[in-house]
Amino acid sequence: MVCTILAIASHTVAPTFRFFGYLEWIAFPIFAYLLAEGVENSMARGLYAVRLFLFAVLSEVPYDLMMSGKVMDTRQQNVLFTLFFGYLILLGVDLIRTHADNLILTIAAEVGGIFFGRYLISEMHCAYSRFGMFFIMLFYVARRVHYEKLMELVVTLYIAFNLSSQTFATPKINGLQYDLSVQLFAVLALILIWLYNGERGPNTLPVRYISYGFFPVSILLFWYLASQGVIY
């Protein structure tokens, strides 16, 4: 939540703090991990999906105001739509895995889910269309392999070096220039995820809706402040 709020600030009230924008690459893998947790542990999967969709819709106007200054802009949808579509894909894959009980079909469903999800997210112009579905499927699959952390690290580095189009630094070593992808910040997300003890935190109604609502509320607040000239 902190990383997301600082990233929102970089788009609104703090555009000169470019580093804040990189923090979204820490936030998204954590959201993707929690999405996989939701598939695994949610007692009401349908309600989970409805809640994701509801807050995706509620976030869209604030998001469009922040990104383009328009009340409605269909060129890009906010990240909650990415998570919503990714969640639906995971539900379909999980249904095949549990009912087919066949390793080949399960792997085919997982691979197909990545490419179909990526296509769907891209066609709907959702945020993180290049690699969002890779992270979402990664955390769903990795929990069922022996070398979970190694798999997560290898895929994260693959995404950083092969799917990224944005760099945060270009150091030179022995006369050679290297482009460091902003997705390398996702490695920091992995460290936080690996430190998670697996226990569920507070799940009261206020905590639950604050966890969803902070996104549109933060965007709307910072956009309003920026529109009033509060810029750093």
C-alpha atoms as a PDB file:
ATOM      1  CA  MET A   1       0.000   0.000   0.000  1.00  0.00           C
ATOM      2  CA  VAL A   2       2.831   2.397   0.861  1.00  0.00           C
ATOM      3  CA  CYS A   3       4.623   1.685  -2.429  1.00  0.00           C
ATOM      4  CA  THR A   4       1.398   2.164  -4.380  1.00  0.00           C
ATOM      5  CA  ILE A   5       0.580   5.459  -2.688  1.00  0.00           C
ATOM      6  CA  LEU A   6       4.087   6.803  -3.342  1.00  0.00           C
ATOM      7  CA  ALA A   7       3.822   5.697  -6.986  1.00  0.00           C
ATOM      8  CA  ILE A   8       0.501   7.548  -7.263  1.00  0.00           C
ATOM      9  CA  ALA A   9       2.189  10.615  -5.760  1.00  0.00           C
ATOM     10  CA  SER A  10       4.838  10.479  -8.494  1.00  0.00           C
ATOM     11  CA  HIS A  11       2.056  10.785 -11.108  1.00  0.00           C
ATOM     12  CA  THR A  12       0.347  13.679  -9.324  1.00  0.00           C
ATOM     13  CA  VAL A  13       1.751  15.815  -6.505  1.00  0.00           C
ATOM     14  CA  ALA A  14       5.397  14.708  -6.651  1.00  0.00           C
ATOM     15  CA  PRO A  15       6.442  14.339 -10.310  1.00  0.00           C
ATOM     16  CA  THR A  16      10.012  15.389  -9.523  1.00  0.00           C
ATOM     17  CA  PHE A  17      10.410  12.401  -7.190  1.00  0.00           C
ATOM     18  CA  ARG A  18      10.944   9.978 -10.050  1.00  0.00           C
ATOM     19  CA  PHE A  19      12.095   7.208  -7.726  1.00  0.00           C
ATOM     20  CA  PHE A  20       8.598   6.964  -6.209  1.00  0.00           C
ATOM     21  CA  GLY A  21       7.283   5.746  -9.556  1.00  0.00           C
ATOM     22  CA  TYR A  22       9.641   2.768  -9.493  1.00  0.00           C
ATOM     23  CA  LEU A  23       8.009   1.516  -6.306  1.00  0.00           C
ATOM     24  CA  GLU A  24       4.970   0.289  -8.227  1.00  0.00           C
ATOM     25  CA  TRP A  25       7.196  -2.561  -9.420  1.00  0.00           C
ATOM     26  CA  ILE A  26       7.454  -3.631  -5.776  1.00  0.00           C
ATOM     27  CA  ALA A  27       3.719  -3.309  -5.212  1.00  0.00           C
ATOM     28  CA  PHE A  28       2.401  -5.234  -8.217  1.00  0.00           C
ATOM     29  CA  PRO A  29       4.124  -8.592  -7.524  1.00  0.00           C
ATOM     30  CA  ILE A  30       2.789  -8.441  -3.962  1.00  0.00           C
ATOM     31  CA  PHE A  31      -0.733  -7.842  -5.264  1.00  0.00           C
ATOM     32  CA  ALA A  32      -0.259 -10.736  -7.704  1.00  0.00           C
ATOM     33  CA  TYR A  33       0.904 -12.970  -4.852  1.00  0.00           C
ATOM     34  CA  LEU A  34      -2.114 -12.024  -2.740  1.00  0.00           C
ATOM     35  CA  LEU A  35      -4.354 -12.793  -5.708  1.00  0.00           C
ATOM     36  CA  ALA A  36      -2.966 -16.338  -5.824  1.00  0.00           C
ATOM     37  CA  GLU A  37      -3.511 -16.519  -2.066  1.00  0.00           C
ATOM     38  CA  GLY A  38      -7.123 -15.531  -2.681  1.00  0.00           C
ATOM     39  CA  VAL A  39      -7.634 -18.382  -5.150  1.00  0.00           C
ATOM     40  CA  GLU A  40      -6.084 -20.810  -2.699  1.00  0.00           C
ATOM     41  CA  ASN A  41      -7.761 -19.692   0.514  1.00  0.00           C
ATOM     42  CA  SER A  42     -10.900 -17.692  -0.241  1.00  0.00           C
ATOM     43  CA  MET A  43     -14.062 -19.276   1.126  1.00  0.00           C
ATOM     44  CA  ALA A  44     -16.213 -17.227  -1.279  1.00  0.00           C
ATOM     45  CA  ARG A  45     -14.469 -17.005  -4.638  1.00  0.00           C
ATOM     46  CA  GLY A  46     -17.445 -15.448  -6.359  1.00  0.00           C
ATOM     47  CA  LEU A  47     -17.668 -12.665  -3.783  1.00  0.00           C
ATOM     48  CA  TYR A  48     -13.910 -12.116  -4.115  1.00  0.00           C
ATOM     49  CA  ALA A  49     -14.329 -11.616  -7.876  1.00  0.00           C
ATOM     50  CA  VAL A  50     -17.314  -9.287  -7.409  1.00  0.00           C
ATOM     51  CA  ARG A  51     -15.369  -7.199  -4.898  1.00  0.00           C
ATOM     52  CA  LEU A  52     -12.390  -6.928  -7.255  1.00  0.00           C
ATOM     53  CA  PHE A  53     -14.628  -5.873 -10.147  1.00  0.00           C
ATOM     54  CA  LEU A  54     -16.536  -3.363  -8.018  1.00  0.00           C
ATOM     55  CA  PHE A  55     -13.402  -1.580  -6.868  1.00  0.00           C
ATOM     56  CA  ALA A  56     -11.914  -1.734 -10.372  1.00  0.00           C
ATOM     57  CA  VAL A  57     -14.967   0.142 -11.636  1.00  0.00           C
ATOM     58  CA  LEU A  58     -14.865   2.610  -8.736  1.00  0.00           C
ATOM     59  CA  SER A  59     -11.172   3.259  -9.391  1.00  0.00           C
ATOM     60  CA  GLU A  60     -11.502   3.915 -13.103  1.00  0.00           C
ATOM     61  CA  VAL A  61     -12.674   7.540 -13.041  1.00  0.00           C
ATOM     62  CA  PRO A  62      -9.998   8.608 -10.525  1.00  0.00           C
ATOM     63  CA  TYR A  63      -7.407   6.688 -12.544  1.00  0.00           C
ATOM     64  CA  ASP A  64      -8.442   8.345 -15.821  1.00  0.00           C
ATOM     65  CA  LEU A  65      -8.357  11.770 -14.182  1.00  0.00           C
ATOM     66  CA  MET A  66      -4.851  11.086 -12.942  1.00  0.00           C
ATOM     67  CA  MET A  67      -3.501   9.678 -16.210  1.00  0.00           C
ATOM     68  CA  SER A  68      -5.177  11.920 -18.795  1.00  0.00           C
ATOM     69  CA  GLY A  69      -7.236  14.556 -16.993  1.00  0.00           C
ATOM     70  CA  LYS A  70     -10.407  13.076 -18.491  1.00  0.00           C
ATOM     71  CA  VAL A  71     -13.338  11.624 -16.589  1.00  0.00           C
ATOM     72  CA  MET A  72     -13.426   8.673 -18.977  1.00  0.00           C
ATOM     73  CA  ASP A  73     -10.491   7.490 -21.060  1.00  0.00           C
ATOM     74  CA  THR A  74     -10.639   4.010 -22.603  1.00  0.00           C
ATOM     75  CA  ARG A  75      -6.976   3.975 -23.687  1.00  0.00           C
ATOM     76  CA  GLN A  76      -5.866   2.346 -20.433  1.00  0.00           C
ATOM     77  CA  GLN A  77      -7.696   0.702 -17.534  1.00  0.00           C
ATOM     78  CA  ASN A  78      -6.456   0.615 -13.968  1.00  0.00           C
ATOM     79  CA  VAL A  79      -4.529  -2.250 -12.375  1.00  0.00           C
ATOM     80  CA  LEU A  80      -7.549  -3.644 -10.522  1.00  0.00           C
ATOM     81  CA  PHE A  81      -8.979  -4.695 -13.878  1.00  0.00           C
ATOM     82  CA  THR A  82      -5.691  -6.506 -14.539  1.00  0.00           C
ATOM     83  CA  LEU A  83      -6.061  -8.314 -11.226  1.00  0.00           C
ATOM     84  CA  PHE A  84      -9.746  -9.046 -11.896  1.00  0.00           C
ATOM     85  CA  PHE A  85      -9.121 -10.669 -15.278  1.00  0.00           C
ATOM     86  CA  GLY A  86      -6.087 -12.468 -13.884  1.00  0.00           C
ATOM     87  CA  TYR A  87      -8.215 -13.825 -11.053  1.00  0.00           C
ATOM     88  CA  LEU A  88     -10.813 -15.172 -13.493  1.00  0.00           C
ATOM     89  CA  ILE A  89      -8.051 -16.912 -15.447  1.00  0.00           C
ATOM     90  CA  LEU A  90      -6.684 -18.469 -12.241  1.00  0.00           C
ATOM     91  CA  LEU A  91     -10.144 -19.734 -11.321  1.00  0.00           C
ATOM     92  CA  GLY A  92     -10.415 -21.449 -14.705  1.00  0.00           C
ATOM     93  CA  VAL A  93      -6.953 -22.981 -14.414  1.00  0.00           C
ATOM     94  CA  ASP A  94      -7.659 -24.125 -10.860  1.00  0.00           C
ATOM     95  CA  LEU A  95     -10.907 -25.739 -11.988  1.00  0.00           C
ATOM     96  CA  ILE A  96      -9.045 -27.747 -14.643  1.00  0.00           C
ATOM     97  CA  ARG A  97      -6.284 -28.697 -12.208  1.00  0.00           C
ATOM     98  CA  THR A  98      -8.625 -29.983  -9.498  1.00  0.00           C
ATOM     99  CA  HIS A  99     -11.113 -31.794 -11.764  1.00  0.00           C
ATOM    100  CA  ALA A 100      -8.808 -33.187 -14.453  1.00  0.00           C
ATOM    101  CA  ASP A 101      -6.167 -34.354 -11.980  1.00  0.00           C
ATOM    102  CA  ASN A 102      -3.748 -34.668 -14.885  1.00  0.00           C
ATOM    103  CA  LEU A 103      -0.296 -33.059 -14.927  1.00  0.00           C
ATOM    104  CA  ILE A 104      -0.171 -32.507 -18.700  1.00  0.00           C
ATOM    105  CA  LEU A 105      -3.604 -30.889 -18.804  1.00  0.00           C
ATOM    106  CA  THR A 106      -2.707 -28.756 -15.800  1.00  0.00           C
ATOM    107  CA  ILE A 107       0.517 -27.504 -17.393  1.00  0.00           C
ATOM    108  CA  ALA A 108      -1.320 -26.849 -20.666  1.00  0.00           C
ATOM    109  CA  ALA A 109      -3.971 -24.871 -18.783  1.00  0.00           C
ATOM    110  CA  GLU A 110      -1.329 -22.839 -16.942  1.00  0.00           C
ATOM    111  CA  VAL A 111       0.606 -21.993 -20.101  1.00  0.00           C
ATOM    112  CA  GLY A 112      -2.600 -21.288 -22.002  1.00  0.00           C
ATOM    113  CA  GLY A 113      -3.801 -19.158 -19.111  1.00  0.00           C
ATOM    114  CA  ILE A 114      -0.691 -16.987 -19.305  1.00  0.00           C
ATOM    115  CA  PHE A 115      -1.083 -16.265 -23.011  1.00  0.00           C
ATOM    116  CA  PHE A 116      -4.865 -15.922 -22.993  1.00  0.00           C
ATOM    117  CA  GLY A 117      -4.699 -13.704 -19.913  1.00  0.00           C
ATOM    118  CA  ARG A 118      -1.998 -11.568 -21.473  1.00  0.00           C
ATOM    119  CA  TYR A 119      -4.072 -11.257 -24.650  1.00  0.00           C
ATOM    120  CA  LEU A 120      -7.227 -10.359 -22.700  1.00  0.00           C
ATOM    121  CA  ILE A 121      -5.471  -7.817 -20.479  1.00  0.00           C
ATOM    122  CA  SER A 122      -3.784  -6.271 -23.512  1.00  0.00           C
ATOM    123  CA  GLU A 123      -6.994  -6.107 -25.556  1.00  0.00           C
ATOM    124  CA  MET A 124      -8.799  -4.465 -22.644  1.00  0.00           C
ATOM    125  CA  HIS A 125      -5.925  -1.947 -22.369  1.00  0.00           C
ATOM    126  CA  CYS A 126      -5.310  -2.771 -18.724  1.00  0.00           C
ATOM    127  CA  ALA A 127      -2.200  -1.743 -16.810  1.00  0.00           C
ATOM    128  CA  TYR A 128       0.809  -4.105 -16.793  1.00  0.00           C
ATOM    129  CA  SER A 129      -0.359  -5.837 -19.968  1.00  0.00           C
ATOM    130  CA  ARG A 130       3.168  -6.963 -20.955  1.00  0.00           C
ATOM    131  CA  PHE A 131       3.971  -8.962 -17.839  1.00  0.00           C
ATOM    132  CA  GLY A 132       1.073  -8.790 -15.380  1.00  0.00           C
ATOM    133  CA  MET A 133      -0.271 -12.244 -16.190  1.00  0.00           C
ATOM    134  CA  PHE A 134       3.211 -13.752 -15.855  1.00  0.00           C
ATOM    135  CA  PHE A 135       3.428 -12.594 -12.247  1.00  0.00           C
ATOM    136  CA  ILE A 136      -0.139 -13.663 -11.466  1.00  0.00           C
ATOM    137  CA  MET A 137       0.378 -17.182 -12.827  1.00  0.00           C
ATOM    138  CA  LEU A 138       3.869 -17.407 -11.324  1.00  0.00           C
ATOM    139  CA  PHE A 139       2.652 -17.183  -7.740  1.00  0.00           C
ATOM    140  CA  TYR A 140      -0.198 -19.593  -8.416  1.00  0.00           C
ATOM    141  CA  VAL A 141       2.140 -22.216  -9.902  1.00  0.00           C
ATOM    142  CA  ALA A 142       5.200 -21.726  -7.694  1.00  0.00           C
ATOM    143  CA  ARG A 143       3.463 -22.795  -4.487  1.00  0.00           C
ATOM    144  CA  ARG A 144       3.200 -26.314  -5.932  1.00  0.00           C
ATOM    145  CA  VAL A 145       6.845 -26.843  -6.879  1.00  0.00           C
ATOM    146  CA  HIS A 146       9.773 -27.936  -4.703  1.00  0.00           C
ATOM    147  CA  TYR A 147      11.992 -24.948  -5.495  1.00  0.00           C
ATOM    148  CA  GLU A 148       9.372 -22.240  -5.092  1.00  0.00           C
ATOM    149  CA  LYS A 149      11.714 -19.334  -4.310  1.00  0.00           C
ATOM    150  CA  LEU A 150      14.137 -20.227  -7.089  1.00  0.00           C
ATOM    151  CA  MET A 151      11.313 -20.376  -9.621  1.00  0.00           C
ATOM    152  CA  GLU A 152       9.970 -17.000  -8.484  1.00  0.00           C
ATOM    153  CA  LEU A 153      13.421 -15.413  -8.725  1.00  0.00           C
ATOM    154  CA  VAL A 154      14.217 -16.861 -12.163  1.00  0.00           C
ATOM    155  CA  VAL A 155      10.869 -15.791 -13.667  1.00  0.00           C
ATOM    156  CA  THR A 156      11.114 -12.337 -12.100  1.00  0.00           C
ATOM    157  CA  LEU A 157      14.598 -11.846 -13.583  1.00  0.00           C
ATOM    158  CA  TYR A 158      13.340 -13.132 -16.952  1.00  0.00           C
ATOM    159  CA  ILE A 159      10.550 -10.533 -16.875  1.00  0.00           C
ATOM    160  CA  ALA A 160      13.003  -7.791 -15.900  1.00  0.00           C
ATOM    161  CA  PHE A 161      15.483  -8.549 -18.669  1.00  0.00           C
ATOM    162  CA  ASN A 162      13.142  -9.624 -21.481  1.00  0.00           C
ATOM    163  CA  LEU A 163       9.756  -7.945 -21.065  1.00  0.00           C
ATOM    164  CA  SER A 164      10.731  -4.523 -19.751  1.00  0.00           C
ATOM    165  CA  SER A 165      10.838  -1.375 -21.863  1.00  0.00           C
ATOM    166  CA  GLN A 166      11.801   1.054 -19.079  1.00  0.00           C
ATOM    167  CA  THR A 167      15.126   1.519 -17.300  1.00  0.00           C
ATOM    168  CA  PHE A 168      16.060   3.335 -14.104  1.00  0.00           C
ATOM    169  CA  ALA A 169      19.836   3.329 -14.584  1.00  0.00           C
ATOM    170  CA  THR A 170      22.413   2.634 -17.294  1.00  0.00           C
ATOM    171  CA  PRO A 171      25.743   1.931 -15.555  1.00  0.00           C
ATOM    172  CA  LYS A 172      28.952   1.265 -17.459  1.00  0.00           C
ATOM    173  CA  ILE A 173      31.149  -1.649 -16.410  1.00  0.00           C
ATOM    174  CA  ASN A 174      34.475  -2.262 -18.207  1.00  0.00           C
ATOM    175  CA  GLY A 175      33.378   0.054 -20.975  1.00  0.00           C
ATOM    176  CA  LEU A 176      30.062  -1.755 -21.532  1.00  0.00           C
ATOM    177  CA  GLN A 177      26.755  -0.071 -20.822  1.00  0.00           C
ATOM    178  CA  TYR A 178      23.999  -2.027 -19.071  1.00  0.00           C
ATOM    179  CA  ASP A 179      20.325  -1.089 -18.930  1.00  0.00           C
ATOM    180  CA  LEU A 180      18.834  -1.822 -15.514  1.00  0.00           C
ATOM    181  CA  SER A 181      15.111  -2.505 -15.824  1.00  0.00           C
ATOM    182  CA  VAL A 182      12.612  -1.000 -13.395  1.00  0.00           C
ATOM    183  CA  GLN A 183      11.206  -4.532 -13.029  1.00  0.00           C
ATOM    184  CA  LEU A 184      14.328  -5.393 -11.035  1.00  0.00           C
ATOM    185  CA  PHE A 185      12.559  -3.698  -8.126  1.00  0.00           C
ATOM    186  CA  ALA A 186      10.279  -6.748  -8.157  1.00  0.00           C
ATOM    187  CA  VAL A 187      13.137  -8.687  -6.561  1.00  0.00           C
ATOM    188  CA  LEU A 188      12.575  -6.534  -3.462  1.00  0.00           C
ATOM    189  CA  ALA A 189       8.939  -7.622  -3.559  1.00  0.00           C
ATOM    190  CA  LEU A 190      10.074 -11.251  -3.549  1.00  0.00           C
ATOM    191  CA  ILE A 191      12.080 -10.633  -0.379  1.00  0.00           C
ATOM    192  CA  LEU A 192       8.997  -9.241   1.348  1.00  0.00           C
ATOM    193  CA  ILE A 193       6.886 -12.152   0.107  1.00  0.00           C
ATOM    194  CA  TRP A 194       9.457 -14.688   1.315  1.00  0.00           C
ATOM    195  CA  LEU A 195       9.362 -13.091   4.777  1.00  0.00           C
ATOM    196  CA  TYR A 196       5.592 -13.657   4.988  1.00  0.00           C
ATOM    197  CA  ASN A 197       4.835 -16.267   7.663  1.00  0.00           C
ATOM    198  CA  GLY A 198       1.699 -17.580   5.962  1.00  0.00           C
ATOM    199  CA  GLU A 199      -0.641 -16.478   8.739  1.00  0.00           C
ATOM    200  CA  ARG A 200      -3.722 -14.463   7.945  1.00  0.00           C
ATOM    201  CA  GLY A 201      -3.778 -10.940   9.318  1.00  0.00           C
ATOM    202  CA  PRO A 202      -6.791  -9.015  10.666  1.00  0.00           C
ATOM    203  CA  ASN A 203      -9.863  -9.558   8.490  1.00  0.00           C
ATOM    204  CA  THR A 204     -12.392  -7.161   9.941  1.00  0.00           C
ATOM    205  CA  LEU A 205     -14.755  -5.357   7.582  1.00  0.00           C
ATOM    206  CA  PRO A 206     -12.971  -1.981   7.938  1.00  0.00           C
ATOM    207  CA  VAL A 207      -9.552  -3.545   7.222  1.00  0.00           C
ATOM    208  CA  ARG A 208     -10.932  -5.393   4.215  1.00  0.00           C
ATOM    209  CA  TYR A 209     -12.450  -2.331   2.576  1.00  0.00           C
ATOM    210  CA  ILE A 210      -9.547  -0.051   3.459  1.00  0.00           C
ATOM    211  CA  SER A 211      -7.320  -2.569   1.659  1.00  0.00           C
ATOM    212  CA  TYR A 212      -9.412  -2.142  -1.487  1.00  0.00           C
ATOM    213  CA  GLY A 213     -10.492   1.461  -1.082  1.00  0.00           C
ATOM    214  CA  PHE A 214      -7.104   3.057  -0.475  1.00  0.00           C
ATOM    215  CA  PHE A 215      -6.341   2.841  -4.210  1.00  0.00           C
ATOM    216  CA  PRO A 216      -9.178   4.978  -5.639  1.00  0.00           C
ATOM    217  CA  VAL A 217      -9.209   7.270  -2.593  1.00  0.00           C
ATOM    218  CA  SER A 218      -5.465   7.962  -2.810  1.00  0.00           C
ATOM    219  CA  ILE A 219      -5.675   8.654  -6.529  1.00  0.00           C
ATOM    220  CA  LEU A 220      -8.624  11.018  -6.120  1.00  0.00           C
ATOM    221  CA  LEU A 221      -7.014  12.868  -3.215  1.00  0.00           C
ATOM    222  CA  PHE A 222      -3.642  13.345  -4.911  1.00  0.00           C
ATOM    223  CA  TRP A 223      -5.239  14.258  -8.240  1.00  0.00           C
ATOM    224  CA  TYR A 224      -7.335  16.927  -6.511  1.00  0.00           C
ATOM    225  CA  LEU A 225      -4.303  18.343  -4.693  1.00  0.00           C
ATOM    226  CA  ALA A 226      -2.336  18.414  -7.941  1.00  0.00           C
ATOM    227  CA  SER A 227      -5.215  20.137  -9.730  1.00  0.00           C
ATOM    228  CA  GLN A 228      -5.097  22.821  -7.016  1.00  0.00           C
ATOM    229  CA  GLY A 229      -1.426  23.424  -7.664  1.00  0.00           C
ATOM    230  CA  VAL A 230       0.052  21.340  -4.860  1.00  0.00           C
ATOM    231  CA  ILE A 231       3.092  20.093  -6.769  1.00  0.00           C
ATOM    232  CA  TYR A 232       6.554  19.196  -5.470  1.00  0.00           C
END
